[in-house]
ModelCIF file with pLDDT and N, C-alpha, C, O atoms, coordinates in Angstrom:
data_MODEL
#
_entry.id   MODEL 
#
_entity.id                         1 
_entity.type                       polymer 
_entity.pdbx_number_of_molecules   1 
#
_entity_poly.entity_id                      1 
_entity_poly.type                           'polypeptide(L)' 
_entity_poly.nstd_linkage                   no 
_entity_poly.nstd_monomer                   no 
_entity_poly.pdbx_seq_one_letter_code       GQVKVWDPLERQSLVTFKAHDLQVTALAFSPDGTWLATAGEEGTVKV 
_entity_poly.pdbx_seq_one_letter_code_can   GQVKVWDPLERQSLVTFKAHDLQVTALAFSPDGTWLATAGEEGTVKV 
_entity_poly.pdbx_strand_id                 A 
#
loop_
_entity_poly_seq.entity_id 
_entity_poly_seq.num 
_entity_poly_seq.mon_id 
_entity_poly_seq.hetero 
1 1  GLY n 
1 2  GLN n 
1 3  VAL n 
1 4  LYS n 
1 5  VAL n 
1 6  TRP n 
1 7  ASP n 
1 8  PRO n 
1 9  LEU n 
1 10 GLU n 
1 11 ARG n 
1 12 GLN n 
1 13 SER n 
1 14 LEU n 
1 15 VAL n 
1 16 THR n 
1 17 PHE n 
1 18 LYS n 
1 19 ALA n 
1 20 HIS n 
1 21 ASP n 
1 22 LEU n 
1 23 GLN n 
1 24 VAL n 
1 25 THR n 
1 26 ALA n 
1 27 LEU n 
1 28 ALA n 
1 29 PHE n 
1 30 SER n 
1 31 PRO n 
1 32 ASP n 
1 33 GLY n 
1 34 THR n 
1 35 TRP n 
1 36 LEU n 
1 37 ALA n 
1 38 THR n 
1 39 ALA n 
1 40 GLY n 
1 41 GLU n 
1 42 GLU n 
1 43 GLY n 
1 44 THR n 
1 45 VAL n 
1 46 LYS n 
1 47 VAL n 
#
_struct_asym.id          A 
_struct_asym.entity_id   1 
#
loop_
_ma_qa_metric.id 
_ma_qa_metric.mode 
_ma_qa_metric.name 
_ma_qa_metric.software_group_id 
_ma_qa_metric.type 
1 global pLDDT . pLDDT 
2 local  pLDDT . pLDDT 
#
_ma_qa_metric_global.metric_id      1 
_ma_qa_metric_global.metric_value   96.77 
_ma_qa_metric_global.model_id       1 
_ma_qa_metric_global.ordinal_id     1 
#
loop_
_ma_qa_metric_local.label_asym_id 
_ma_qa_metric_local.label_comp_id 
_ma_qa_metric_local.label_seq_id 
_ma_qa_metric_local.metric_id 
_ma_qa_metric_local.metric_value 
_ma_qa_metric_local.model_id 
_ma_qa_metric_local.ordinal_id 
A GLY 1  2 98.00 1 1  
A GLN 2  2 98.00 1 2  
A VAL 3  2 98.00 1 3  
A LYS 4  2 98.00 1 4  
A VAL 5  2 98.00 1 5  
A TRP 6  2 98.00 1 6  
A ASP 7  2 97.00 1 7  
A PRO 8  2 96.00 1 8  
A LEU 9  2 92.00 1 9  
A GLU 10 2 94.00 1 10 
A ARG 11 2 94.00 1 11 
A GLN 12 2 96.00 1 12 
A SER 13 2 97.00 1 13 
A LEU 14 2 98.00 1 14 
A VAL 15 2 98.00 1 15 
A THR 16 2 97.00 1 16 
A PHE 17 2 97.00 1 17 
A LYS 18 2 97.00 1 18 
A ALA 19 2 98.00 1 19 
A HIS 20 2 97.00 1 20 
A ASP 21 2 95.00 1 21 
A LEU 22 2 97.00 1 22 
A GLN 23 2 97.00 1 23 
A VAL 24 2 98.00 1 24 
A THR 25 2 97.00 1 25 
A ALA 26 2 97.00 1 26 
A LEU 27 2 98.00 1 27 
A ALA 28 2 98.00 1 28 
A PHE 29 2 98.00 1 29 
A SER 30 2 97.00 1 30 
A PRO 31 2 94.00 1 31 
A ASP 32 2 93.00 1 32 
A GLY 33 2 96.00 1 33 
A THR 34 2 97.00 1 34 
A TRP 35 2 98.00 1 35 
A LEU 36 2 98.00 1 36 
A ALA 37 2 98.00 1 37 
A THR 38 2 98.00 1 38 
A ALA 39 2 97.00 1 39 
A GLY 40 2 97.00 1 40 
A GLU 41 2 96.00 1 41 
A GLU 42 2 95.00 1 42 
A GLY 43 2 94.00 1 43 
A THR 44 2 96.00 1 44 
A VAL 45 2 97.00 1 45 
A LYS 46 2 98.00 1 46 
A VAL 47 2 98.00 1 47 
#
loop_
_atom_site.group_PDB 
_atom_site.id 
_atom_site.type_symbol 
_atom_site.label_atom_id 
_atom_site.label_alt_id 
_atom_site.label_comp_id 
_atom_site.label_asym_id 
_atom_site.label_entity_id 
_atom_site.label_seq_id 
_atom_site.pdbx_PDB_ins_code 
_atom_site.Cartn_x 
_atom_site.Cartn_y 
_atom_site.Cartn_z 
_atom_site.occupancy 
_atom_site.B_iso_or_equiv 
_atom_site.pdbx_formal_charge 
_atom_site.auth_seq_id 
_atom_site.auth_comp_id 
_atom_site.auth_asym_id 
_atom_site.auth_atom_id 
_atom_site.pdbx_PDB_model_num 
ATOM 1   N N  . GLY A 1 1  ? -57.337 -51.591 -1.717  1.00 98.00 ? 1  GLY A N  1 
ATOM 2   C CA . GLY A 1 1  ? -58.026 -50.875 -2.779  1.00 98.00 ? 1  GLY A CA 1 
ATOM 3   C C  . GLY A 1 1  ? -57.346 -50.932 -4.130  1.00 98.00 ? 1  GLY A C  1 
ATOM 4   O O  . GLY A 1 1  ? -57.708 -50.174 -5.029  1.00 98.00 ? 1  GLY A O  1 
ATOM 5   N N  . GLN A 1 2  ? -56.375 -51.807 -4.297  1.00 98.00 ? 2  GLN A N  1 
ATOM 6   C CA . GLN A 1 2  ? -55.697 -51.952 -5.581  1.00 98.00 ? 2  GLN A CA 1 
ATOM 7   C C  . GLN A 1 2  ? -56.431 -52.934 -6.494  1.00 98.00 ? 2  GLN A C  1 
ATOM 8   O O  . GLN A 1 2  ? -57.178 -53.800 -6.038  1.00 98.00 ? 2  GLN A O  1 
ATOM 9   N N  . VAL A 1 3  ? -56.194 -52.772 -7.791  1.00 98.00 ? 3  VAL A N  1 
ATOM 10  C CA . VAL A 1 3  ? -56.691 -53.696 -8.800  1.00 98.00 ? 3  VAL A CA 1 
ATOM 11  C C  . VAL A 1 3  ? -55.515 -54.123 -9.669  1.00 98.00 ? 3  VAL A C  1 
ATOM 12  O O  . VAL A 1 3  ? -54.677 -53.306 -10.051 1.00 98.00 ? 3  VAL A O  1 
ATOM 13  N N  . LYS A 1 4  ? -55.469 -55.426 -9.976  1.00 98.00 ? 4  LYS A N  1 
ATOM 14  C CA . LYS A 1 4  ? -54.412 -55.958 -10.829 1.00 98.00 ? 4  LYS A CA 1 
ATOM 15  C C  . LYS A 1 4  ? -55.055 -56.868 -11.866 1.00 98.00 ? 4  LYS A C  1 
ATOM 16  O O  . LYS A 1 4  ? -55.883 -57.716 -11.533 1.00 98.00 ? 4  LYS A O  1 
ATOM 17  N N  . VAL A 1 5  ? -54.664 -56.686 -13.134 1.00 98.00 ? 5  VAL A N  1 
ATOM 18  C CA . VAL A 1 5  ? -55.211 -57.482 -14.223 1.00 98.00 ? 5  VAL A CA 1 
ATOM 19  C C  . VAL A 1 5  ? -54.098 -58.351 -14.812 1.00 98.00 ? 5  VAL A C  1 
ATOM 20  O O  . VAL A 1 5  ? -52.993 -57.882 -15.082 1.00 98.00 ? 5  VAL A O  1 
ATOM 21  N N  . TRP A 1 6  ? -54.425 -59.631 -15.001 1.00 98.00 ? 6  TRP A N  1 
ATOM 22  C CA . TRP A 1 6  ? -53.475 -60.619 -15.513 1.00 98.00 ? 6  TRP A CA 1 
ATOM 23  C C  . TRP A 1 6  ? -53.957 -61.195 -16.843 1.00 98.00 ? 6  TRP A C  1 
ATOM 24  O O  . TRP A 1 6  ? -55.156 -61.284 -17.108 1.00 98.00 ? 6  TRP A O  1 
ATOM 25  N N  . ASP A 1 7  ? -52.993 -61.581 -17.664 1.00 97.00 ? 7  ASP A N  1 
ATOM 26  C CA . ASP A 1 7  ? -53.237 -62.460 -18.807 1.00 97.00 ? 7  ASP A CA 1 
ATOM 27  C C  . ASP A 1 7  ? -52.612 -63.802 -18.450 1.00 97.00 ? 7  ASP A C  1 
ATOM 28  O O  . ASP A 1 7  ? -51.415 -63.993 -18.669 1.00 97.00 ? 7  ASP A O  1 
ATOM 29  N N  . PRO A 1 8  ? -53.398 -64.749 -17.899 1.00 96.00 ? 8  PRO A N  1 
ATOM 30  C CA . PRO A 1 8  ? -52.806 -66.012 -17.441 1.00 96.00 ? 8  PRO A CA 1 
ATOM 31  C C  . PRO A 1 8  ? -52.204 -66.837 -18.573 1.00 96.00 ? 8  PRO A C  1 
ATOM 32  O O  . PRO A 1 8  ? -51.211 -67.537 -18.377 1.00 96.00 ? 8  PRO A O  1 
ATOM 33  N N  . LEU A 1 9  ? -52.804 -66.755 -19.755 1.00 92.00 ? 9  LEU A N  1 
ATOM 34  C CA . LEU A 1 9  ? -52.295 -67.532 -20.884 1.00 92.00 ? 9  LEU A CA 1 
ATOM 35  C C  . LEU A 1 9  ? -50.864 -67.138 -21.209 1.00 92.00 ? 9  LEU A C  1 
ATOM 36  O O  . LEU A 1 9  ? -50.045 -67.983 -21.570 1.00 92.00 ? 9  LEU A O  1 
ATOM 37  N N  . GLU A 1 10 ? -50.565 -65.841 -21.078 1.00 94.00 ? 10 GLU A N  1 
ATOM 38  C CA . GLU A 1 10 ? -49.215 -65.332 -21.329 1.00 94.00 ? 10 GLU A CA 1 
ATOM 39  C C  . GLU A 1 10 ? -48.371 -65.273 -20.066 1.00 94.00 ? 10 GLU A C  1 
ATOM 40  O O  . GLU A 1 10 ? -47.197 -64.905 -20.115 1.00 94.00 ? 10 GLU A O  1 
ATOM 41  N N  . ARG A 1 11 ? -48.975 -65.641 -18.917 1.00 94.00 ? 11 ARG A N  1 
ATOM 42  C CA . ARG A 1 11 ? -48.268 -65.574 -17.616 1.00 94.00 ? 11 ARG A CA 1 
ATOM 43  C C  . ARG A 1 11 ? -47.754 -64.162 -17.365 1.00 94.00 ? 11 ARG A C  1 
ATOM 44  O O  . ARG A 1 11 ? -46.614 -63.980 -16.939 1.00 94.00 ? 11 ARG A O  1 
ATOM 45  N N  . GLN A 1 12 ? -48.594 -63.162 -17.627 1.00 96.00 ? 12 GLN A N  1 
ATOM 46  C CA . GLN A 1 12 ? -48.139 -61.778 -17.583 1.00 96.00 ? 12 GLN A CA 1 
ATOM 47  C C  . GLN A 1 12 ? -49.142 -60.892 -16.866 1.00 96.00 ? 12 GLN A C  1 
ATOM 48  O O  . GLN A 1 12 ? -50.342 -60.957 -17.133 1.00 96.00 ? 12 GLN A O  1 
ATOM 49  N N  . SER A 1 13 ? -48.641 -60.057 -15.948 1.00 97.00 ? 13 SER A N  1 
ATOM 50  C CA . SER A 1 13 ? -49.450 -59.024 -15.332 1.00 97.00 ? 13 SER A CA 1 
ATOM 51  C C  . SER A 1 13 ? -49.525 -57.832 -16.285 1.00 97.00 ? 13 SER A C  1 
ATOM 52  O O  . SER A 1 13 ? -48.497 -57.343 -16.753 1.00 97.00 ? 13 SER A O  1 
ATOM 53  N N  . LEU A 1 14 ? -50.744 -57.364 -16.572 1.00 98.00 ? 14 LEU A N  1 
ATOM 54  C CA . LEU A 1 14 ? -50.924 -56.315 -17.577 1.00 98.00 ? 14 LEU A CA 1 
ATOM 55  C C  . LEU A 1 14 ? -50.957 -54.920 -16.979 1.00 98.00 ? 14 LEU A C  1 
ATOM 56  O O  . LEU A 1 14 ? -50.448 -53.976 -17.582 1.00 98.00 ? 14 LEU A O  1 
ATOM 57  N N  . VAL A 1 15 ? -51.549 -54.777 -15.801 1.00 98.00 ? 15 VAL A N  1 
ATOM 58  C CA . VAL A 1 15 ? -51.667 -53.454 -15.209 1.00 98.00 ? 15 VAL A CA 1 
ATOM 59  C C  . VAL A 1 15 ? -51.974 -53.584 -13.727 1.00 98.00 ? 15 VAL A C  1 
ATOM 60  O O  . VAL A 1 15 ? -52.640 -54.531 -13.309 1.00 98.00 ? 15 VAL A O  1 
ATOM 61  N N  . THR A 1 16 ? -51.489 -52.631 -12.927 1.00 97.00 ? 16 THR A N  1 
ATOM 62  C CA . THR A 1 16 ? -51.834 -52.518 -11.505 1.00 97.00 ? 16 THR A CA 1 
ATOM 63  C C  . THR A 1 16 ? -52.123 -51.052 -11.223 1.00 97.00 ? 16 THR A C  1 
ATOM 64  O O  . THR A 1 16 ? -51.347 -50.182 -11.618 1.00 97.00 ? 16 THR A O  1 
ATOM 65  N N  . PHE A 1 17 ? -53.229 -50.767 -10.543 1.00 97.00 ? 17 PHE A N  1 
ATOM 66  C CA . PHE A 1 17 ? -53.533 -49.375 -10.220 1.00 97.00 ? 17 PHE A CA 1 
ATOM 67  C C  . PHE A 1 17 ? -54.346 -49.304 -8.935  1.00 97.00 ? 17 PHE A C  1 
ATOM 68  O O  . PHE A 1 17 ? -55.008 -50.262 -8.538  1.00 97.00 ? 17 PHE A O  1 
ATOM 69  N N  . LYS A 1 18 ? -54.274 -48.138 -8.296  1.00 97.00 ? 18 LYS A N  1 
ATOM 70  C CA . LYS A 1 18 ? -55.043 -47.863 -7.079  1.00 97.00 ? 18 LYS A CA 1 
ATOM 71  C C  . LYS A 1 18 ? -56.432 -47.412 -7.499  1.00 97.00 ? 18 LYS A C  1 
ATOM 72  O O  . LYS A 1 18 ? -56.586 -46.377 -8.148  1.00 97.00 ? 18 LYS A O  1 
ATOM 73  N N  . ALA A 1 19 ? -57.456 -48.200 -7.123  1.00 98.00 ? 19 ALA A N  1 
ATOM 74  C CA . ALA A 1 19 ? -58.815 -47.903 -7.561  1.00 98.00 ? 19 ALA A CA 1 
ATOM 75  C C  . ALA A 1 19 ? -59.643 -47.242 -6.469  1.00 98.00 ? 19 ALA A C  1 
ATOM 76  O O  . ALA A 1 19 ? -60.485 -46.394 -6.764  1.00 98.00 ? 19 ALA A O  1 
ATOM 77  N N  . HIS A 1 20 ? -59.416 -47.620 -5.190  1.00 97.00 ? 20 HIS A N  1 
ATOM 78  C CA . HIS A 1 20 ? -60.274 -47.139 -4.103  1.00 97.00 ? 20 HIS A CA 1 
ATOM 79  C C  . HIS A 1 20 ? -59.455 -46.896 -2.847  1.00 97.00 ? 20 HIS A C  1 
ATOM 80  O O  . HIS A 1 20 ? -58.357 -47.426 -2.682  1.00 97.00 ? 20 HIS A O  1 
ATOM 81  N N  . ASP A 1 21 ? -60.026 -46.071 -1.958  1.00 95.00 ? 21 ASP A N  1 
ATOM 82  C CA . ASP A 1 21 ? -59.357 -45.786 -0.688  1.00 95.00 ? 21 ASP A CA 1 
ATOM 83  C C  . ASP A 1 21 ? -59.471 -46.963 0.272   1.00 95.00 ? 21 ASP A C  1 
ATOM 84  O O  . ASP A 1 21 ? -58.558 -47.228 1.055   1.00 95.00 ? 21 ASP A O  1 
ATOM 85  N N  . LEU A 1 22 ? -60.605 -47.671 0.207   1.00 97.00 ? 22 LEU A N  1 
ATOM 86  C CA . LEU A 1 22 ? -60.811 -48.845 1.039   1.00 97.00 ? 22 LEU A CA 1 
ATOM 87  C C  . LEU A 1 22 ? -60.817 -50.084 0.145   1.00 97.00 ? 22 LEU A C  1 
ATOM 88  O O  . LEU A 1 22 ? -60.576 -49.975 -1.057  1.00 97.00 ? 22 LEU A O  1 
ATOM 89  N N  . GLN A 1 23 ? -61.088 -51.256 0.713   1.00 97.00 ? 23 GLN A N  1 
ATOM 90  C CA . GLN A 1 23 ? -60.977 -52.493 -0.044  1.00 97.00 ? 23 GLN A CA 1 
ATOM 91  C C  . GLN A 1 23 ? -61.955 -52.548 -1.215  1.00 97.00 ? 23 GLN A C  1 
ATOM 92  O O  . GLN A 1 23 ? -63.023 -51.936 -1.181  1.00 97.00 ? 23 GLN A O  1 
ATOM 93  N N  . VAL A 1 24 ? -61.574 -53.286 -2.238  1.00 98.00 ? 24 VAL A N  1 
ATOM 94  C CA . VAL A 1 24 ? -62.422 -53.510 -3.401  1.00 98.00 ? 24 VAL A CA 1 
ATOM 95  C C  . VAL A 1 24 ? -63.470 -54.559 -3.042  1.00 98.00 ? 24 VAL A C  1 
ATOM 96  O O  . VAL A 1 24 ? -63.140 -55.611 -2.493  1.00 98.00 ? 24 VAL A O  1 
ATOM 97  N N  . THR A 1 25 ? -64.746 -54.268 -3.356  1.00 97.00 ? 25 THR A N  1 
ATOM 98  C CA . THR A 1 25 ? -65.828 -55.195 -2.997  1.00 97.00 ? 25 THR A CA 1 
ATOM 99  C C  . THR A 1 25 ? -66.424 -55.914 -4.206  1.00 97.00 ? 25 THR A C  1 
ATOM 100 O O  . THR A 1 25 ? -67.068 -56.950 -4.039  1.00 97.00 ? 25 THR A O  1 
ATOM 101 N N  . ALA A 1 26 ? -66.227 -55.392 -5.422  1.00 97.00 ? 26 ALA A N  1 
ATOM 102 C CA . ALA A 1 26 ? -66.776 -56.043 -6.614  1.00 97.00 ? 26 ALA A CA 1 
ATOM 103 C C  . ALA A 1 26 ? -66.020 -55.562 -7.849  1.00 97.00 ? 26 ALA A C  1 
ATOM 104 O O  . ALA A 1 26 ? -65.488 -54.452 -7.877  1.00 97.00 ? 26 ALA A O  1 
ATOM 105 N N  . LEU A 1 27 ? -65.984 -56.417 -8.868  1.00 98.00 ? 27 LEU A N  1 
ATOM 106 C CA . LEU A 1 27 ? -65.325 -56.114 -10.141 1.00 98.00 ? 27 LEU A CA 1 
ATOM 107 C C  . LEU A 1 27 ? -66.162 -56.676 -11.278 1.00 98.00 ? 27 LEU A C  1 
ATOM 108 O O  . LEU A 1 27 ? -66.839 -57.689 -11.106 1.00 98.00 ? 27 LEU A O  1 
ATOM 109 N N  . ALA A 1 28 ? -66.124 -56.030 -12.442 1.00 98.00 ? 28 ALA A N  1 
ATOM 110 C CA . ALA A 1 28 ? -66.800 -56.567 -13.623 1.00 98.00 ? 28 ALA A CA 1 
ATOM 111 C C  . ALA A 1 28 ? -66.180 -55.979 -14.877 1.00 98.00 ? 28 ALA A C  1 
ATOM 112 O O  . ALA A 1 28 ? -65.973 -54.769 -14.960 1.00 98.00 ? 28 ALA A O  1 
ATOM 113 N N  . PHE A 1 29 ? -65.878 -56.838 -15.865 1.00 98.00 ? 29 PHE A N  1 
ATOM 114 C CA . PHE A 1 29 ? -65.452 -56.385 -17.176 1.00 98.00 ? 29 PHE A CA 1 
ATOM 115 C C  . PHE A 1 29 ? -66.678 -56.054 -18.022 1.00 98.00 ? 29 PHE A C  1 
ATOM 116 O O  . PHE A 1 29 ? -67.726 -56.684 -17.878 1.00 98.00 ? 29 PHE A O  1 
ATOM 117 N N  . SER A 1 30 ? -66.544 -55.066 -18.901 1.00 97.00 ? 30 SER A N  1 
ATOM 118 C CA . SER A 1 30 ? -67.568 -54.835 -19.904 1.00 97.00 ? 30 SER A CA 1 
ATOM 119 C C  . SER A 1 30 ? -67.557 -55.992 -20.893 1.00 97.00 ? 30 SER A C  1 
ATOM 120 O O  . SER A 1 30 ? -66.553 -56.698 -20.983 1.00 97.00 ? 30 SER A O  1 
ATOM 121 N N  . PRO A 1 31 ? -68.649 -56.214 -21.648 1.00 94.00 ? 31 PRO A N  1 
ATOM 122 C CA . PRO A 1 31 ? -68.704 -57.369 -22.548 1.00 94.00 ? 31 PRO A CA 1 
ATOM 123 C C  . PRO A 1 31 ? -67.555 -57.452 -23.549 1.00 94.00 ? 31 PRO A C  1 
ATOM 124 O O  . PRO A 1 31 ? -67.149 -58.555 -23.916 1.00 94.00 ? 31 PRO A O  1 
ATOM 125 N N  . ASP A 1 32 ? -67.020 -56.319 -23.999 1.00 93.00 ? 32 ASP A N  1 
ATOM 126 C CA . ASP A 1 32 ? -65.903 -56.357 -24.939 1.00 93.00 ? 32 ASP A CA 1 
ATOM 127 C C  . ASP A 1 32 ? -64.550 -56.310 -24.243 1.00 93.00 ? 32 ASP A C  1 
ATOM 128 O O  . ASP A 1 32 ? -63.515 -56.316 -24.910 1.00 93.00 ? 32 ASP A O  1 
ATOM 129 N N  . GLY A 1 33 ? -64.540 -56.262 -22.909 1.00 96.00 ? 33 GLY A N  1 
ATOM 130 C CA . GLY A 1 33 ? -63.300 -56.272 -22.142 1.00 96.00 ? 33 GLY A CA 1 
ATOM 131 C C  . GLY A 1 33 ? -62.576 -54.949 -22.086 1.00 96.00 ? 33 GLY A C  1 
ATOM 132 O O  . GLY A 1 33 ? -61.513 -54.863 -21.470 1.00 96.00 ? 33 GLY A O  1 
ATOM 133 N N  . THR A 1 34 ? -63.110 -53.916 -22.706 1.00 97.00 ? 34 THR A N  1 
ATOM 134 C CA . THR A 1 34 ? -62.416 -52.626 -22.758 1.00 97.00 ? 34 THR A CA 1 
ATOM 135 C C  . THR A 1 34 ? -62.462 -51.903 -21.427 1.00 97.00 ? 34 THR A C  1 
ATOM 136 O O  . THR A 1 34 ? -61.475 -51.291 -21.019 1.00 97.00 ? 34 THR A O  1 
ATOM 137 N N  . TRP A 1 35 ? -63.586 -51.964 -20.751 1.00 98.00 ? 35 TRP A N  1 
ATOM 138 C CA . TRP A 1 35 ? -63.764 -51.257 -19.493 1.00 98.00 ? 35 TRP A CA 1 
ATOM 139 C C  . TRP A 1 35 ? -63.819 -52.237 -18.329 1.00 98.00 ? 35 TRP A C  1 
ATOM 140 O O  . TRP A 1 35 ? -64.169 -53.407 -18.486 1.00 98.00 ? 35 TRP A O  1 
ATOM 141 N N  . LEU A 1 36 ? -63.461 -51.721 -17.155 1.00 98.00 ? 36 LEU A N  1 
ATOM 142 C CA . LEU A 1 36 ? -63.532 -52.490 -15.916 1.00 98.00 ? 36 LEU A CA 1 
ATOM 143 C C  . LEU A 1 36 ? -64.240 -51.642 -14.874 1.00 98.00 ? 36 LEU A C  1 
ATOM 144 O O  . LEU A 1 36 ? -63.812 -50.525 -14.583 1.00 98.00 ? 36 LEU A O  1 
ATOM 145 N N  . ALA A 1 37 ? -65.322 -52.167 -14.311 1.00 98.00 ? 37 ALA A N  1 
ATOM 146 C CA . ALA A 1 37 ? -66.024 -51.494 -13.216 1.00 98.00 ? 37 ALA A CA 1 
ATOM 147 C C  . ALA A 1 37 ? -65.497 -52.023 -11.892 1.00 98.00 ? 37 ALA A C  1 
ATOM 148 O O  . ALA A 1 37 ? -65.308 -53.228 -11.728 1.00 98.00 ? 37 ALA A O  1 
ATOM 149 N N  . THR A 1 38 ? -65.262 -51.120 -10.952 1.00 98.00 ? 38 THR A N  1 
ATOM 150 C CA . THR A 1 38 ? -64.766 -51.491 -9.630  1.00 98.00 ? 38 THR A CA 1 
ATOM 151 C C  . THR A 1 38 ? -65.635 -50.836 -8.567  1.00 98.00 ? 38 THR A C  1 
ATOM 152 O O  . THR A 1 38 ? -66.113 -49.716 -8.747  1.00 98.00 ? 38 THR A O  1 
ATOM 153 N N  . ALA A 1 39 ? -65.836 -51.538 -7.461  1.00 97.00 ? 39 ALA A N  1 
ATOM 154 C CA . ALA A 1 39 ? -66.598 -50.997 -6.336  1.00 97.00 ? 39 ALA A CA 1 
ATOM 155 C C  . ALA A 1 39 ? -65.718 -51.030 -5.098  1.00 97.00 ? 39 ALA A C  1 
ATOM 156 O O  . ALA A 1 39 ? -64.978 -51.988 -4.872  1.00 97.00 ? 39 ALA A O  1 
ATOM 157 N N  . GLY A 1 40 ? -65.808 -49.966 -4.293  1.00 97.00 ? 40 GLY A N  1 
ATOM 158 C CA . GLY A 1 40 ? -65.027 -49.872 -3.070  1.00 97.00 ? 40 GLY A CA 1 
ATOM 159 C C  . GLY A 1 40 ? -65.908 -49.872 -1.842  1.00 97.00 ? 40 GLY A C  1 
ATOM 160 O O  . GLY A 1 40 ? -67.091 -49.536 -1.906  1.00 97.00 ? 40 GLY A O  1 
ATOM 161 N N  . GLU A 1 41 ? -65.315 -50.256 -0.717  1.00 96.00 ? 41 GLU A N  1 
ATOM 162 C CA . GLU A 1 41 ? -66.073 -50.349 0.526   1.00 96.00 ? 41 GLU A CA 1 
ATOM 163 C C  . GLU A 1 41 ? -66.582 -48.984 0.978   1.00 96.00 ? 41 GLU A C  1 
ATOM 164 O O  . GLU A 1 41 ? -67.536 -48.906 1.753   1.00 96.00 ? 41 GLU A O  1 
ATOM 165 N N  . GLU A 1 42 ? -65.956 -47.909 0.503   1.00 95.00 ? 42 GLU A N  1 
ATOM 166 C CA . GLU A 1 42 ? -66.399 -46.569 0.878   1.00 95.00 ? 42 GLU A CA 1 
ATOM 167 C C  . GLU A 1 42 ? -67.707 -46.175 0.197   1.00 95.00 ? 42 GLU A C  1 
ATOM 168 O O  . GLU A 1 42 ? -68.297 -45.153 0.548   1.00 95.00 ? 42 GLU A O  1 
ATOM 169 N N  . GLY A 1 43 ? -68.176 -46.978 -0.785  1.00 94.00 ? 43 GLY A N  1 
ATOM 170 C CA . GLY A 1 43 ? -69.454 -46.723 -1.431  1.00 94.00 ? 43 GLY A CA 1 
ATOM 171 C C  . GLY A 1 43 ? -69.367 -46.230 -2.850  1.00 94.00 ? 43 GLY A C  1 
ATOM 172 O O  . GLY A 1 43 ? -70.400 -46.067 -3.500  1.00 94.00 ? 43 GLY A O  1 
ATOM 173 N N  . THR A 1 44 ? -68.178 -45.984 -3.359  1.00 96.00 ? 44 THR A N  1 
ATOM 174 C CA . THR A 1 44 ? -68.054 -45.507 -4.733  1.00 96.00 ? 44 THR A CA 1 
ATOM 175 C C  . THR A 1 44 ? -67.920 -46.668 -5.705  1.00 96.00 ? 44 THR A C  1 
ATOM 176 O O  . THR A 1 44 ? -67.372 -47.719 -5.373  1.00 96.00 ? 44 THR A O  1 
ATOM 177 N N  . VAL A 1 45 ? -68.431 -46.455 -6.912  1.00 97.00 ? 45 VAL A N  1 
ATOM 178 C CA . VAL A 1 45 ? -68.240 -47.359 -8.037  1.00 97.00 ? 45 VAL A CA 1 
ATOM 179 C C  . VAL A 1 45 ? -67.554 -46.567 -9.137  1.00 97.00 ? 45 VAL A C  1 
ATOM 180 O O  . VAL A 1 45 ? -67.952 -45.443 -9.441  1.00 97.00 ? 45 VAL A O  1 
ATOM 181 N N  . LYS A 1 46 ? -66.530 -47.148 -9.729  1.00 98.00 ? 46 LYS A N  1 
ATOM 182 C CA . LYS A 1 46 ? -65.767 -46.461 -10.766 1.00 98.00 ? 46 LYS A CA 1 
ATOM 183 C C  . LYS A 1 46 ? -65.699 -47.320 -12.016 1.00 98.00 ? 46 LYS A C  1 
ATOM 184 O O  . LYS A 1 46 ? -65.671 -48.548 -11.946 1.00 98.00 ? 46 LYS A O  1 
ATOM 185 N N  . VAL A 1 47 ? -65.673 -46.656 -13.151 1.00 98.00 ? 47 VAL A N  1 
ATOM 186 C CA . VAL A 1 47 ? -65.537 -47.332 -14.435 1.00 98.00 ? 47 VAL A CA 1 
ATOM 187 C C  . VAL A 1 47 ? -64.251 -46.839 -15.079 1.00 98.00 ? 47 VAL A C  1 
ATOM 188 O O  . VAL A 1 47 ? -63.910 -47.266 -16.182 1.00 98.00 ? 47 VAL A O  1 
#
C-alpha cells in the first residue's frame, strides 16, 4: 500500500508515503502534476 514518486531525470526519489492498507490498484497524476490520486484494494480512492 505504499506510494513512491521519482524524478528519473534527476535520479532522485522525491517522496514515499503509506497510501492504503492493502495493495495499490491504480494511480493518476492531475494534469498539472500537483495532485496524485491513488486507489487501494480495500475499495478506497484517495487524492
